[in-house]
N, C-alpha and C. Protein backbone atom coordinates (compact mmCIF):
# COMPACT_ATOMS: atom_id res chain seq x y z
N MET A 1 97.05 -115.17 7.51
CA MET A 1 97.53 -114.77 5.86
C MET A 1 98.03 -113.29 5.70
N LYS A 2 97.09 -112.76 5.56
CA LYS A 2 96.68 -111.05 4.63
C LYS A 2 98.30 -110.15 5.77
N ASP A 3 98.11 -110.42 7.00
CA ASP A 3 98.95 -109.93 7.81
C ASP A 3 100.11 -110.35 7.39
N LEU A 4 100.48 -111.28 6.85
CA LEU A 4 101.85 -112.02 6.98
C LEU A 4 102.35 -111.24 5.04
N LEU A 5 100.69 -111.18 4.55
CA LEU A 5 101.56 -110.83 3.51
C LEU A 5 101.75 -109.33 3.44
N VAL A 6 101.18 -108.66 4.63
CA VAL A 6 101.32 -106.83 4.06
C VAL A 6 102.77 -106.63 4.97
N ARG A 7 103.33 -107.67 5.86
CA ARG A 7 104.42 -107.49 6.92
C ARG A 7 105.41 -107.97 5.36
N TRP A 8 105.33 -108.75 4.58
CA TRP A 8 106.15 -109.46 3.55
C TRP A 8 106.47 -107.91 2.72
N LEU A 9 105.25 -107.25 1.99
CA LEU A 9 105.39 -106.10 1.40
C LEU A 9 106.56 -105.16 2.08
N LYS A 10 105.94 -104.93 3.49
CA LYS A 10 106.50 -103.81 4.29
C LYS A 10 108.14 -104.24 4.35
N PHE A 11 108.13 -105.50 4.84
CA PHE A 11 109.90 -106.19 4.69
C PHE A 11 110.64 -105.63 3.26
N HIS A 12 109.64 -105.69 2.23
CA HIS A 12 110.68 -105.61 0.82
C HIS A 12 111.35 -103.67 0.88
N LEU A 13 110.09 -102.67 1.28
CA LEU A 13 109.85 -101.98 1.62
C LEU A 13 111.27 -101.15 2.24
N VAL A 14 111.21 -101.55 2.96
CA VAL A 14 112.32 -100.88 4.02
C VAL A 14 113.67 -101.56 3.79
N GLY A 15 113.58 -103.45 2.80
CA GLY A 15 114.74 -103.58 2.63
C GLY A 15 115.36 -103.15 0.71
N GLY A 16 114.40 -102.49 0.04
CA GLY A 16 114.44 -101.84 -0.84
C GLY A 16 115.56 -100.94 0.10
N ILE A 17 115.14 -99.75 0.76
CA ILE A 17 115.38 -98.24 0.65
C ILE A 17 116.58 -99.01 1.18
N GLY A 18 117.45 -100.65 2.23
CA GLY A 18 118.13 -100.49 2.85
C GLY A 18 118.85 -101.08 1.98
N VAL A 19 119.04 -101.49 0.97
CA VAL A 19 119.64 -102.11 -0.26
C VAL A 19 120.37 -100.71 -1.18
N GLY A 20 119.76 -99.60 -1.29
CA GLY A 20 120.20 -97.85 -1.38
C GLY A 20 121.25 -97.69 0.15
N VAL A 21 120.63 -97.76 0.95
CA VAL A 21 121.59 -97.22 1.91
C VAL A 21 123.06 -98.26 1.84
N GLN A 22 123.26 -99.67 1.42
CA GLN A 22 124.57 -100.01 1.65
C GLN A 22 125.00 -100.20 -0.04
N LEU A 23 124.29 -100.34 -0.81
CA LEU A 23 124.76 -99.72 -2.21
C LEU A 23 125.67 -98.27 -2.01
N ALA A 24 124.79 -97.43 -1.27
CA ALA A 24 126.12 -96.15 -1.31
C ALA A 24 127.21 -96.24 -0.41
N VAL A 25 126.66 -96.86 0.61
CA VAL A 25 128.06 -97.08 1.43
C VAL A 25 128.85 -98.27 0.76
N LEU A 26 129.26 -99.04 -0.11
CA LEU A 26 129.46 -99.37 -0.94
C LEU A 26 130.34 -98.60 -1.48
N ALA A 27 129.80 -98.10 -2.56
CA ALA A 27 130.02 -97.55 -4.07
C ALA A 27 131.30 -96.21 -2.86
N LEU A 28 130.15 -95.65 -1.70
CA LEU A 28 131.98 -94.15 -1.10
C LEU A 28 133.24 -95.41 -0.82
N LEU A 29 133.06 -96.21 -0.15
CA LEU A 29 134.00 -96.98 0.77
C LEU A 29 135.24 -97.60 -0.18
N VAL A 30 134.49 -98.16 -1.99
CA VAL A 30 135.70 -98.38 -2.40
C VAL A 30 135.90 -97.68 -3.96
N SER A 31 135.23 -97.02 -4.51
CA SER A 31 135.64 -95.61 -5.09
C SER A 31 136.05 -94.44 -5.08
N GLY A 32 135.11 -94.26 -3.16
CA GLY A 32 135.78 -93.03 -2.94
C GLY A 32 136.99 -92.62 -2.29
N LEU A 33 136.60 -94.23 -0.80
CA LEU A 33 137.85 -94.03 -0.25
C LEU A 33 138.87 -94.96 -0.66
N LYS A 34 139.22 -95.69 -1.73
CA LYS A 34 139.57 -97.03 -2.04
C LYS A 34 139.83 -98.28 -1.30
N VAL A 35 138.69 -98.42 -0.44
CA VAL A 35 139.10 -99.56 0.46
C VAL A 35 138.60 -100.63 -0.23
N ASN A 36 139.43 -101.77 0.63
CA ASN A 36 139.27 -103.38 -0.54
C ASN A 36 137.46 -103.80 -1.05
N TYR A 37 137.25 -104.35 -1.72
CA TYR A 37 135.58 -104.61 -1.84
C TYR A 37 134.90 -105.01 -0.62
N LEU A 38 136.13 -106.28 -0.30
CA LEU A 38 135.02 -107.06 0.82
C LEU A 38 135.53 -106.90 1.91
N VAL A 39 136.35 -105.37 2.81
CA VAL A 39 136.23 -104.61 3.73
C VAL A 39 134.82 -103.63 3.68
N ALA A 40 134.63 -103.53 2.31
CA ALA A 40 133.75 -102.12 1.97
C ALA A 40 132.22 -102.71 2.52
N THR A 41 132.35 -104.05 1.88
CA THR A 41 130.89 -105.07 1.77
C THR A 41 130.91 -105.36 2.94
N ALA A 42 131.70 -105.47 4.28
CA ALA A 42 131.33 -105.87 5.41
C ALA A 42 130.90 -104.12 6.34
N ALA A 43 131.15 -104.04 6.10
CA ALA A 43 130.69 -101.96 6.65
C ALA A 43 129.85 -101.49 6.25
N ALA A 44 129.30 -101.59 4.62
CA ALA A 44 128.05 -101.61 3.82
C ALA A 44 127.00 -102.64 4.58
N VAL A 45 127.42 -103.65 4.38
CA VAL A 45 126.04 -104.46 5.07
C VAL A 45 125.58 -104.38 6.66
N GLU A 46 126.74 -103.93 7.49
CA GLU A 46 126.40 -103.54 8.49
C GLU A 46 125.37 -102.27 8.71
N THR A 47 126.00 -101.48 8.59
CA THR A 47 125.21 -100.37 7.73
C THR A 47 123.63 -100.97 7.48
N ALA A 48 123.57 -101.01 6.44
CA ALA A 48 122.31 -101.80 5.99
C ALA A 48 121.41 -102.24 7.22
N VAL A 49 122.10 -103.01 8.33
CA VAL A 49 121.24 -104.31 8.98
C VAL A 49 120.69 -103.52 10.07
N LEU A 50 122.13 -102.58 10.24
CA LEU A 50 120.94 -101.22 11.63
C LEU A 50 120.40 -100.68 10.82
N HIS A 51 119.93 -100.10 9.99
CA HIS A 51 119.08 -98.92 8.96
C HIS A 51 117.94 -100.15 8.81
N ASN A 52 118.01 -101.41 8.69
CA ASN A 52 116.87 -101.83 8.35
C ASN A 52 116.24 -102.51 9.44
N PHE A 53 116.73 -102.47 10.67
CA PHE A 53 116.69 -102.94 11.90
C PHE A 53 115.50 -101.87 12.37
N VAL A 54 116.01 -100.33 12.79
CA VAL A 54 115.18 -99.88 12.95
C VAL A 54 113.99 -99.19 12.60
N TRP A 55 113.63 -99.45 10.76
CA TRP A 55 112.80 -99.28 10.15
C TRP A 55 111.62 -100.61 10.64
N HIS A 56 112.32 -102.06 10.45
CA HIS A 56 111.68 -103.39 10.25
C HIS A 56 110.55 -103.23 12.15
N GLU A 57 111.77 -102.62 13.22
CA GLU A 57 111.50 -102.46 14.53
C GLU A 57 110.27 -100.92 14.93
N ARG A 58 110.16 -100.35 14.03
CA ARG A 58 109.13 -99.07 14.02
C ARG A 58 107.85 -99.31 12.91
N TYR A 59 108.15 -99.92 11.98
CA TYR A 59 107.20 -99.97 10.92
C TYR A 59 106.62 -101.31 10.38
N THR A 60 107.56 -102.22 9.74
CA THR A 60 106.97 -103.48 9.25
C THR A 60 106.62 -104.58 10.55
N TRP A 61 107.41 -104.55 11.59
CA TRP A 61 106.41 -104.79 12.57
C TRP A 61 106.17 -104.02 14.28
N ARG A 62 105.85 -103.51 13.76
CA ARG A 62 105.22 -102.52 14.65
C ARG A 62 104.04 -102.86 15.29
N ALA A 63 103.30 -103.61 15.03
CA ALA A 63 102.25 -104.61 16.01
C ALA A 63 103.19 -105.26 16.86
N ARG A 64 104.14 -105.58 16.98
CA ARG A 64 105.04 -106.59 17.74
C ARG A 64 105.77 -105.49 18.29
N PRO A 65 105.21 -104.51 19.56
CA PRO A 65 106.51 -103.96 19.96
C PRO A 65 107.17 -104.78 20.86
N SER A 66 108.36 -103.96 21.17
CA SER A 66 109.14 -104.93 21.78
C SER A 66 109.23 -104.88 23.66
N GLY A 67 108.96 -103.92 24.18
CA GLY A 67 108.93 -103.30 24.89
C GLY A 67 109.29 -102.36 25.71
N ARG A 68 109.91 -103.37 26.96
CA ARG A 68 111.14 -102.55 27.53
C ARG A 68 112.26 -102.92 27.09
N ARG A 69 113.38 -101.80 26.88
CA ARG A 69 114.85 -101.54 26.63
C ARG A 69 115.65 -102.94 26.84
N VAL A 70 115.51 -103.51 27.66
CA VAL A 70 116.41 -104.56 27.31
C VAL A 70 115.75 -105.83 26.63
N ASP A 71 114.42 -106.02 26.33
CA ASP A 71 113.74 -106.59 25.35
C ASP A 71 114.21 -106.22 23.65
N LEU A 72 114.22 -104.80 23.60
CA LEU A 72 114.61 -104.09 22.16
C LEU A 72 116.21 -104.42 22.26
N LEU A 73 116.46 -104.51 23.03
CA LEU A 73 118.48 -105.09 23.26
C LEU A 73 118.59 -106.09 22.32
N LEU A 74 117.11 -107.51 23.33
CA LEU A 74 117.49 -108.51 22.96
C LEU A 74 117.20 -109.25 21.77
N ARG A 75 116.49 -108.18 20.74
CA ARG A 75 115.67 -108.30 19.90
C ARG A 75 116.84 -107.81 18.54
N LEU A 76 117.63 -106.51 18.98
CA LEU A 76 118.55 -106.00 17.70
C LEU A 76 119.92 -107.16 17.75
N LEU A 77 119.90 -108.06 18.90
CA LEU A 77 120.75 -109.58 18.81
C LEU A 77 120.26 -110.02 18.63
N ARG A 78 119.35 -111.02 18.44
CA ARG A 78 118.65 -111.91 17.44
C ARG A 78 118.71 -111.72 15.75
N PHE A 79 118.02 -109.90 15.71
CA PHE A 79 118.52 -109.59 14.38
C PHE A 79 120.09 -109.49 13.41
N HIS A 80 120.37 -109.26 14.28
CA HIS A 80 122.41 -109.93 14.28
C HIS A 80 122.52 -110.46 13.41
N PHE A 81 122.32 -111.82 15.06
CA PHE A 81 122.96 -113.54 14.74
C PHE A 81 121.87 -113.61 13.44
N SER A 82 120.82 -113.35 13.42
CA SER A 82 120.45 -113.86 11.98
C SER A 82 120.31 -113.40 11.15
N ASN A 83 119.72 -112.17 10.83
CA ASN A 83 119.59 -111.54 9.43
C ASN A 83 120.90 -110.71 9.30
N GLY A 84 121.81 -110.42 10.55
CA GLY A 84 123.18 -109.40 10.01
C GLY A 84 124.03 -111.00 9.84
N LEU A 85 124.45 -111.76 10.19
CA LEU A 85 124.63 -113.35 9.49
C LEU A 85 124.70 -113.61 8.65
N VAL A 86 123.35 -113.94 8.44
CA VAL A 86 123.36 -114.17 7.03
C VAL A 86 123.60 -113.21 5.91
N SER A 87 123.10 -112.02 5.81
CA SER A 87 123.77 -111.30 4.99
C SER A 87 125.06 -111.15 4.75
N LEU A 88 125.79 -110.73 6.22
CA LEU A 88 127.64 -110.71 6.40
C LEU A 88 127.87 -111.62 5.03
N ALA A 89 127.81 -112.72 5.81
CA ALA A 89 128.51 -114.40 5.58
C ALA A 89 127.84 -114.63 3.89
N GLY A 90 126.76 -114.03 3.19
CA GLY A 90 126.04 -114.85 2.47
C GLY A 90 126.64 -113.63 1.43
N ASN A 91 126.76 -112.00 1.46
CA ASN A 91 127.47 -110.96 0.76
C ASN A 91 128.96 -111.00 0.46
N LEU A 92 129.50 -111.57 1.94
CA LEU A 92 130.96 -111.67 1.82
C LEU A 92 131.39 -112.69 1.01
N ALA A 93 130.84 -114.35 0.96
CA ALA A 93 131.02 -115.29 0.20
C ALA A 93 130.41 -115.18 -1.53
N LEU A 94 129.80 -114.59 -1.75
CA LEU A 94 128.80 -114.40 -2.91
C LEU A 94 129.83 -113.48 -3.08
N MET A 95 130.19 -112.21 -2.29
CA MET A 95 130.80 -111.44 -3.17
C MET A 95 132.58 -111.90 -3.71
N ARG A 96 132.63 -112.01 -2.73
CA ARG A 96 134.61 -112.83 -3.23
C ARG A 96 133.93 -113.58 -4.47
N LEU A 97 133.17 -115.18 -4.90
CA LEU A 97 132.65 -115.72 -5.66
C LEU A 97 132.59 -114.84 -7.29
N LEU A 98 131.73 -113.70 -6.75
CA LEU A 98 131.21 -113.30 -7.85
C LEU A 98 132.28 -111.85 -8.57
N VAL A 99 132.97 -111.46 -7.96
CA VAL A 99 133.92 -110.18 -7.82
C VAL A 99 135.37 -111.05 -7.81
N GLY A 100 135.60 -111.78 -7.25
CA GLY A 100 137.18 -112.61 -6.82
C GLY A 100 137.45 -113.62 -8.12
N THR A 101 136.59 -114.13 -8.09
CA THR A 101 136.74 -115.35 -9.11
C THR A 101 135.90 -115.04 -10.89
N VAL A 102 134.45 -114.89 -10.67
CA VAL A 102 133.67 -114.52 -12.27
C VAL A 102 134.30 -113.14 -12.61
N HIS A 103 134.78 -112.01 -11.76
CA HIS A 103 134.89 -111.04 -12.31
C HIS A 103 133.73 -110.28 -12.96
N LEU A 104 132.74 -109.85 -12.00
CA LEU A 104 131.19 -109.14 -11.55
C LEU A 104 131.83 -107.73 -11.27
N GLN A 105 131.06 -106.91 -11.72
CA GLN A 105 131.62 -105.34 -11.37
C GLN A 105 130.69 -105.12 -10.18
N TYR A 106 131.68 -105.18 -9.06
CA TYR A 106 131.37 -104.94 -7.51
C TYR A 106 129.96 -104.92 -7.22
N MET A 107 129.26 -103.62 -8.11
CA MET A 107 127.94 -102.95 -7.56
C MET A 107 127.11 -103.69 -8.02
N VAL A 108 127.42 -104.34 -9.08
CA VAL A 108 126.21 -105.18 -9.66
C VAL A 108 125.77 -106.87 -8.86
N ALA A 109 127.00 -107.10 -8.51
CA ALA A 109 127.29 -108.25 -7.76
C ALA A 109 126.72 -108.58 -6.33
N ASN A 110 126.92 -107.41 -5.97
CA ASN A 110 126.32 -106.81 -4.66
C ASN A 110 124.81 -106.88 -5.02
N VAL A 111 123.89 -106.29 -5.74
CA VAL A 111 122.97 -106.14 -5.78
C VAL A 111 122.46 -108.02 -6.12
N ALA A 112 123.18 -108.75 -6.21
CA ALA A 112 123.18 -109.90 -6.79
C ALA A 112 122.56 -110.85 -5.22
N THR A 113 123.76 -110.17 -4.81
CA THR A 113 123.82 -110.92 -3.59
C THR A 113 122.81 -110.22 -2.84
N ILE A 114 122.35 -109.70 -2.76
CA ILE A 114 121.47 -108.88 -2.13
C ILE A 114 119.68 -109.56 -2.54
N LEU A 115 119.78 -110.06 -3.32
CA LEU A 115 118.51 -110.37 -3.48
C LEU A 115 118.73 -112.10 -3.00
N VAL A 116 120.13 -112.39 -2.89
CA VAL A 116 119.81 -114.51 -2.32
C VAL A 116 119.32 -114.41 -1.32
N CYS A 117 120.61 -113.45 -0.20
CA CYS A 117 119.64 -113.57 1.00
C CYS A 117 118.44 -112.80 1.27
N GLY A 118 117.69 -112.15 0.76
CA GLY A 118 116.18 -112.01 0.91
C GLY A 118 115.78 -112.23 1.78
N LEU A 119 115.62 -113.82 1.12
CA LEU A 119 114.25 -114.74 1.44
C LEU A 119 114.83 -114.91 2.84
N LEU A 120 115.87 -115.36 3.16
CA LEU A 120 115.78 -116.01 3.83
C LEU A 120 115.63 -114.69 5.44
N ASN A 121 116.21 -114.32 5.17
CA ASN A 121 115.94 -112.70 6.28
C ASN A 121 114.53 -112.83 6.69
N PHE A 122 113.64 -112.54 5.73
CA PHE A 122 112.52 -112.39 6.18
C PHE A 122 112.36 -113.34 6.93
N ALA A 123 112.25 -114.78 6.64
CA ALA A 123 111.56 -115.87 7.02
C ALA A 123 112.89 -115.53 8.70
N LEU A 124 113.57 -115.75 8.50
CA LEU A 124 113.98 -115.45 10.27
C LEU A 124 113.62 -114.16 10.76
N SER A 125 113.41 -112.95 10.43
CA SER A 125 112.55 -111.83 10.98
C SER A 125 111.30 -112.35 11.41
N GLU A 126 110.11 -112.86 10.74
CA GLU A 126 109.61 -113.50 10.68
C GLU A 126 108.89 -114.16 12.23
N TRP A 127 110.11 -115.49 12.47
CA TRP A 127 109.64 -116.48 13.03
C TRP A 127 110.64 -116.65 13.73
N PHE A 128 111.16 -115.63 13.96
CA PHE A 128 112.52 -116.04 14.85
C PHE A 128 113.02 -114.14 15.74
N VAL A 129 112.82 -113.25 15.17
CA VAL A 129 113.55 -112.27 15.76
C VAL A 129 111.99 -111.20 16.27
N PHE A 130 111.57 -110.99 15.32
CA PHE A 130 110.20 -110.11 15.72
C PHE A 130 109.02 -110.87 15.89
N ARG A 131 109.39 -112.12 16.57
CA ARG A 131 107.88 -113.19 17.36
C ARG A 131 106.76 -112.42 17.78
């Protein structure tokens, strides 16, 4: 149980940094480059997913090494098909609702979507990706 709590805390530390990465990419694309907020959201989520995978592999679940390169690639694919899919679909759907329908400011809406997706992503990482 203690190990699970430690991984939970590490997961959220890495995720917190990933939030910064995602929000920075989103702001750059929307405010700086005038990219549509949904396209920018998808790019920002993918950047954060890749960032988080690297740090989860090297820090959060370091005690569960992937071994061979092919195992690392398979783990990355599992991460994308679980966390990546939850994050991308959840962010796009909620951003469309919160920005497009409710008219929240896009950065506020993105923070809310990240929080919603976080719980499910930890469970998927713990019991599917880094098993």
